[in-house]
Amino acid sequence: MTIYNLGSINIDQVYRVATLPRPGETVAARQHSTGLGGKGANQSIAGARAGRQVRHLGAIGRDHDWALERLRGCGVDVRGIARLADSATGHAIILVEDSGENAIVIHPGANHAVPLDLVTAHLAGIGPGDTLLLQNETVHQVPAAELARAAGARVIYSAAPFDVAAIRCVLPHVSILAVNAGEAAAAEAELGSSLPIEGMLVTRGAAGAEYRDLHTGRVTWQPAFEVTPVDTTGAGDCFAGWFAAGLDAGLPLAETLRRAAAAAALQVTRPGAADAMPHAAEVRDFLIAAP
């Protein structure tokens, strides 16, 4: 089985501050670092480090080949990533305060210039048993989702950044909607509670996560593991990537959620986004030691 991910690739500029600035306020950063991020890259690395075969579809500019090497080094198939001469690599400005909370500004760059023919060409082999991951940080979600579902694949859609118009367009081709609690409430307010999908994964930060089976009405709850967070950037992507990996491996839903929660717990104890994604052995050891 293969996880295909039409996803963003960003260069993260991370600034650590005592507290996030209020409107009109200037604060001094105590530390700065540069790393790999983007919801797509985060989820691809999470899925690969969970032990699954992941093929990333996307684009970068001409000046960040190290991002491809980082993805490749994490076990991600990068043959579906284009280098675009006329677009800058996507990037994000991330402020992280001492509590671990963050604020993020994103410039999409090449993520919004992914060629459609690249997407269709690299999805030509998708089929039953495979999974397509999507987020709202790239383009061509609708044709990609339509193609994948027509081929019998599972489609998991992270509806972030939240955009109700984008959700309306892609939802008819989605299997599972992955959102945080705020996004879930906004989606239900805009679209109603009877969504035309199989299920909804709702992450709730330190409160845990739940999977809602929209066919049976059953809700499976997974509490969060108690840790001291260092940086919550990418935690939802970590959970989504490990969730997709568990389904791809054919694991029971409860075990899939438990592993995803453990991975996210480990990830927030480290600085960074993509680089902080844990390996399968780390998650296994964490769960052995967990109450």
Protein backbone atom coordinates (compact mmCIF):
# COMPACT_ATOMS: atom_id res chain seq x y z
CA MET A 1 0.00 0.00 0.00
CA THR A 2 1.16 3.56 -0.71
CA ILE A 3 0.31 6.90 0.86
CA TYR A 4 0.28 9.64 -1.78
CA ASN A 5 0.45 13.18 -0.42
CA LEU A 6 -0.37 16.24 -2.50
CA GLY A 7 1.13 18.59 0.04
CA SER A 8 2.92 21.80 0.81
CA ILE A 9 6.65 22.12 1.36
CA ASN A 10 7.72 25.14 3.40
CA ILE A 11 10.94 26.51 4.79
CA ASP A 12 10.16 27.34 8.42
CA GLN A 13 11.76 30.38 10.02
CA VAL A 14 11.15 29.83 13.73
CA TYR A 15 11.53 32.52 16.38
CA ARG A 16 11.28 31.67 20.08
CA VAL A 17 9.75 34.42 22.24
CA ALA A 18 8.69 34.74 25.87
CA THR A 19 5.08 35.48 24.84
CA LEU A 20 3.35 35.94 21.49
CA PRO A 21 3.06 39.65 20.57
CA ARG A 22 -0.25 41.41 20.97
CA PRO A 23 -1.55 43.59 18.08
CA GLY A 24 0.83 46.52 17.65
CA GLU A 25 3.44 45.07 20.01
CA THR A 26 7.07 44.34 19.11
CA VAL A 27 8.88 41.58 20.97
CA ALA A 28 12.49 40.38 20.79
CA ALA A 29 13.21 36.79 19.79
CA ARG A 30 15.58 34.87 22.02
CA GLN A 31 16.38 32.22 19.41
CA HIS A 32 16.04 31.66 15.65
CA SER A 33 16.23 28.49 13.58
CA THR A 34 15.49 27.36 10.03
CA GLY A 35 13.89 24.01 9.28
CA LEU A 36 11.63 22.02 6.99
CA GLY A 37 7.87 22.37 7.39
CA GLY A 38 4.57 22.78 5.61
CA LYS A 39 1.56 20.63 6.43
CA GLY A 40 2.34 18.37 3.49
CA ALA A 41 6.00 17.77 4.27
CA ASN A 42 5.15 17.28 7.95
CA GLN A 43 2.55 14.61 7.16
CA SER A 44 4.76 12.86 4.62
CA ILE A 45 7.64 12.55 7.07
CA ALA A 46 5.29 11.45 9.85
CA GLY A 47 3.88 8.69 7.64
CA ALA A 48 7.31 7.58 6.44
CA ARG A 49 8.74 7.48 9.96
CA ALA A 50 5.71 5.42 10.97
CA GLY A 51 7.04 2.83 8.54
CA ARG A 52 4.81 3.31 5.50
CA GLN A 53 5.64 3.95 1.84
CA VAL A 54 4.96 7.65 1.15
CA ARG A 55 5.09 9.44 -2.20
CA HIS A 56 5.01 13.24 -2.02
CA LEU A 57 3.56 15.40 -4.81
CA GLY A 58 4.37 19.10 -4.74
CA ALA A 59 6.79 21.82 -5.78
CA ILE A 60 9.66 23.96 -4.55
CA GLY A 61 11.71 26.79 -6.02
CA ARG A 62 15.19 26.30 -7.49
CA ASP A 63 17.06 27.28 -4.34
CA HIS A 64 16.12 24.72 -1.71
CA ASP A 65 17.32 21.31 -2.87
CA TRP A 66 18.22 20.57 0.74
CA ALA A 67 14.48 20.26 1.43
CA LEU A 68 14.27 17.40 -1.09
CA GLU A 69 17.29 15.75 0.49
CA ARG A 70 15.70 16.05 3.93
CA LEU A 71 12.48 14.42 2.69
CA ARG A 72 14.40 11.71 0.86
CA GLY A 73 16.52 11.07 3.92
CA CYS A 74 13.36 10.50 5.94
CA GLY A 75 12.23 7.81 3.51
CA VAL A 76 9.83 9.87 1.38
CA ASP A 77 9.63 9.25 -2.38
CA VAL A 78 10.31 12.72 -3.88
CA ARG A 79 10.01 11.92 -7.60
CA GLY A 80 6.70 13.80 -7.69
CA ILE A 81 8.20 17.10 -6.50
CA ALA A 82 8.81 19.70 -9.20
CA ARG A 83 11.50 22.41 -9.12
CA LEU A 84 9.95 25.63 -10.45
CA ALA A 85 12.29 28.33 -11.77
CA ASP A 86 9.74 31.15 -11.49
CA SER A 87 8.41 30.46 -7.98
CA ALA A 88 9.92 30.84 -4.53
CA THR A 89 9.77 27.88 -2.19
CA GLY A 90 6.90 28.28 0.24
CA HIS A 91 7.92 29.57 3.63
CA ALA A 92 6.49 30.25 7.06
CA ILE A 93 7.28 32.70 9.85
CA ILE A 94 6.61 30.87 13.13
CA LEU A 95 6.59 32.47 16.57
CA VAL A 96 6.78 30.01 19.48
CA GLU A 97 6.29 31.20 23.05
CA ASP A 98 7.59 29.58 26.22
CA SER A 99 4.33 27.69 26.80
CA GLY A 100 4.75 25.95 23.43
CA GLU A 101 1.89 27.82 21.75
CA ASN A 102 2.58 29.35 18.35
CA ALA A 103 1.46 31.87 15.74
CA ILE A 104 2.24 31.30 12.05
CA VAL A 105 2.24 33.36 8.84
CA ILE A 106 2.62 31.43 5.56
CA HIS A 107 3.65 32.51 2.06
CA PRO A 108 2.55 29.73 -0.33
CA GLY A 109 5.05 30.31 -3.14
CA ALA A 110 5.60 27.20 -5.25
CA ASN A 111 2.91 25.33 -3.33
CA HIS A 112 0.32 27.30 -5.31
CA ALA A 113 2.08 26.66 -8.61
CA VAL A 114 2.15 22.85 -8.61
CA PRO A 115 1.51 21.73 -12.24
CA LEU A 116 -1.73 19.82 -12.71
CA ASP A 117 -0.11 17.42 -15.17
CA LEU A 118 2.43 16.47 -12.50
CA VAL A 119 -0.39 15.59 -10.10
CA THR A 120 -2.33 13.49 -12.59
CA ALA A 121 0.80 11.74 -13.87
CA HIS A 122 1.98 10.71 -10.41
CA LEU A 123 -1.49 9.63 -9.28
CA ALA A 124 -1.91 7.39 -12.33
CA GLY A 125 -0.93 4.32 -10.32
CA ILE A 126 -3.12 4.96 -7.26
CA GLY A 127 -5.70 2.29 -6.52
CA PRO A 128 -7.68 0.35 -3.90
CA GLY A 129 -5.80 0.05 -0.62
CA ASP A 130 -3.84 3.26 -1.25
CA THR A 131 -4.39 6.58 0.51
CA LEU A 132 -4.31 10.16 -0.74
CA LEU A 133 -3.55 12.91 1.78
CA LEU A 134 -4.64 16.48 1.01
CA GLN A 135 -4.46 19.83 2.79
CA ASN A 136 -5.46 23.41 1.89
CA GLU A 137 -1.90 24.67 1.36
CA THR A 138 -1.60 23.55 -2.29
CA VAL A 139 -3.72 23.56 -5.46
CA HIS A 140 -5.60 20.89 -7.46
CA GLN A 141 -7.16 19.19 -4.44
CA VAL A 142 -10.45 18.56 -6.26
CA PRO A 143 -9.08 16.79 -9.38
CA ALA A 144 -6.63 14.84 -7.22
CA ALA A 145 -9.35 13.70 -4.82
CA GLU A 146 -11.74 12.88 -7.68
CA LEU A 147 -9.08 10.80 -9.43
CA ALA A 148 -8.13 8.94 -6.25
CA ARG A 149 -11.69 8.10 -5.24
CA ALA A 150 -12.53 6.96 -8.77
CA ALA A 151 -9.57 4.57 -8.50
CA GLY A 152 -10.89 3.18 -5.20
CA ALA A 153 -8.37 4.87 -2.89
CA ARG A 154 -9.02 6.39 0.54
CA VAL A 155 -8.87 10.21 0.65
CA ILE A 156 -7.97 11.97 3.92
CA TYR A 157 -8.41 15.74 3.77
CA SER A 158 -6.89 18.08 6.37
CA ALA A 159 -9.09 21.15 5.93
CA ALA A 160 -6.48 23.67 7.05
CA PRO A 161 -6.06 26.53 6.65
CA PHE A 162 -9.85 26.51 7.02
CA ASP A 163 -11.68 27.65 3.86
CA VAL A 164 -15.34 26.69 3.60
CA ALA A 165 -15.44 27.25 -0.18
CA ALA A 166 -12.54 24.84 -0.69
CA ILE A 167 -14.15 22.29 1.61
CA ARG A 168 -17.46 22.42 -0.28
CA CYS A 169 -15.66 21.67 -3.54
CA VAL A 170 -13.53 18.74 -2.39
CA LEU A 171 -15.84 17.12 0.19
CA PRO A 172 -17.82 14.97 -2.30
CA HIS A 173 -14.57 13.11 -3.04
CA VAL A 174 -13.33 12.77 0.56
CA SER A 175 -13.37 9.67 2.76
CA ILE A 176 -12.20 11.21 6.05
CA LEU A 177 -12.09 14.86 7.09
CA ALA A 178 -9.24 15.65 9.51
CA VAL A 179 -9.68 18.86 11.51
CA ASN A 180 -8.97 20.38 14.89
CA ALA A 181 -11.80 21.20 17.29
CA GLY A 182 -12.22 24.77 16.05
CA GLU A 183 -12.26 23.69 12.42
CA ALA A 184 -14.77 20.94 13.20
CA ALA A 185 -17.15 23.46 14.78
CA ALA A 186 -16.73 25.85 11.84
CA ALA A 187 -17.33 23.08 9.30
CA GLU A 188 -20.51 21.93 11.04
CA ALA A 189 -21.75 25.53 11.35
CA GLU A 190 -21.23 26.13 7.64
CA LEU A 191 -22.04 22.70 6.21
CA GLY A 192 -24.24 21.01 8.81
CA SER A 193 -23.55 17.87 10.81
CA SER A 194 -24.61 15.40 8.07
CA LEU A 195 -21.48 15.51 5.96
CA PRO A 196 -21.23 13.21 2.87
CA ILE A 197 -18.13 11.38 4.13
CA GLU A 198 -17.25 8.21 6.00
CA GLY A 199 -15.76 9.79 9.07
CA MET A 200 -14.22 12.79 10.80
CA LEU A 201 -10.96 12.87 12.75
CA VAL A 202 -11.02 15.68 15.32
CA THR A 203 -7.84 16.56 17.20
CA ARG A 204 -8.26 18.49 20.44
CA GLY A 205 -4.69 19.26 21.48
CA ALA A 206 -3.99 18.41 25.11
CA ALA A 207 -7.52 17.01 25.44
CA GLY A 208 -6.88 14.20 22.94
CA ALA A 209 -8.65 13.25 19.74
CA GLU A 210 -11.75 11.48 18.51
CA TYR A 211 -12.85 9.65 15.39
CA ARG A 212 -16.50 10.01 14.42
CA ASP A 213 -17.89 7.27 12.20
CA LEU A 214 -20.54 9.22 10.30
CA HIS A 215 -22.20 6.05 9.00
CA THR A 216 -22.81 4.38 12.38
CA GLY A 217 -22.63 7.41 14.66
CA ARG A 218 -19.98 5.72 16.80
CA VAL A 219 -17.32 7.94 18.37
CA THR A 220 -13.92 6.48 19.30
CA TRP A 221 -12.07 8.62 21.83
CA GLN A 222 -8.32 8.75 22.42
CA PRO A 223 -7.00 10.80 25.37
CA ALA A 224 -3.75 12.68 24.96
CA PHE A 225 -0.62 11.44 26.70
CA GLU A 226 0.59 13.85 29.36
CA VAL A 227 3.88 15.53 28.37
CA THR A 228 5.52 18.91 28.80
CA PRO A 229 5.31 20.66 25.41
CA VAL A 230 8.25 22.53 23.94
CA ASP A 231 6.75 23.42 20.54
CA THR A 232 3.28 22.49 19.29
CA THR A 233 4.02 23.39 15.64
CA GLY A 234 3.08 20.44 13.43
CA ALA A 235 1.40 18.39 16.16
CA GLY A 236 -1.82 18.02 14.18
CA ASP A 237 0.15 17.03 11.08
CA CYS A 238 2.04 14.42 13.09
CA PHE A 239 -1.25 12.97 14.31
CA ALA A 240 -2.74 12.98 10.80
CA GLY A 241 0.33 11.34 9.25
CA TRP A 242 0.42 8.59 11.84
CA PHE A 243 -3.36 8.14 11.57
CA ALA A 244 -3.04 7.65 7.81
CA ALA A 245 -0.15 5.25 8.38
CA GLY A 246 -2.18 3.15 10.81
CA LEU A 247 -5.09 2.85 8.38
CA ASP A 248 -2.67 2.09 5.54
CA ALA A 249 -1.20 -0.74 7.65
CA GLY A 250 -4.67 -2.15 8.35
CA LEU A 251 -4.48 -1.57 12.12
CA PRO A 252 -7.66 -1.41 14.21
CA LEU A 253 -9.02 2.10 14.67
CA ALA A 254 -8.35 2.23 18.41
CA GLU A 255 -4.71 1.18 17.95
CA THR A 256 -4.29 3.64 15.07
CA LEU A 257 -5.51 6.49 17.28
CA ARG A 258 -3.34 5.39 20.22
CA ARG A 259 -0.17 5.32 18.09
CA ALA A 260 -1.01 8.67 16.54
CA ALA A 261 -1.54 10.20 19.99
CA ALA A 262 1.79 8.81 21.20
CA ALA A 263 3.60 10.16 18.13
CA ALA A 264 2.08 13.62 18.59
CA ALA A 265 2.99 13.58 22.29
CA LEU A 266 6.61 12.87 21.42
CA GLN A 267 6.65 15.43 18.64
CA VAL A 268 5.58 18.37 20.83
CA THR A 269 8.43 17.71 23.27
CA ARG A 270 10.91 18.74 20.55
CA PRO A 271 11.50 21.99 18.69
CA GLY A 272 10.56 22.21 15.03
CA ALA A 273 7.97 20.61 12.80
CA ALA A 274 9.06 18.04 10.18
CA ASP A 275 12.39 17.39 11.88
CA ALA A 276 10.62 16.64 15.18
CA MET A 277 8.52 13.76 13.83
CA PRO A 278 9.27 10.60 15.83
CA HIS A 279 10.39 7.25 14.43
CA ALA A 280 8.35 4.06 14.83
CA ALA A 281 10.79 2.62 17.38
CA GLU A 282 10.46 5.74 19.54
CA VAL A 283 6.68 5.52 19.50
CA ARG A 284 6.82 1.81 20.35
CA ASP A 285 9.10 2.46 23.33
CA PHE A 286 6.94 5.38 24.47
CA LEU A 287 3.82 3.20 24.45
CA ILE A 288 5.58 0.40 26.33
CA ALA A 289 6.46 2.89 29.08
CA ALA A 290 3.09 4.68 29.05
CA PRO A 291 0.50 4.03 31.78
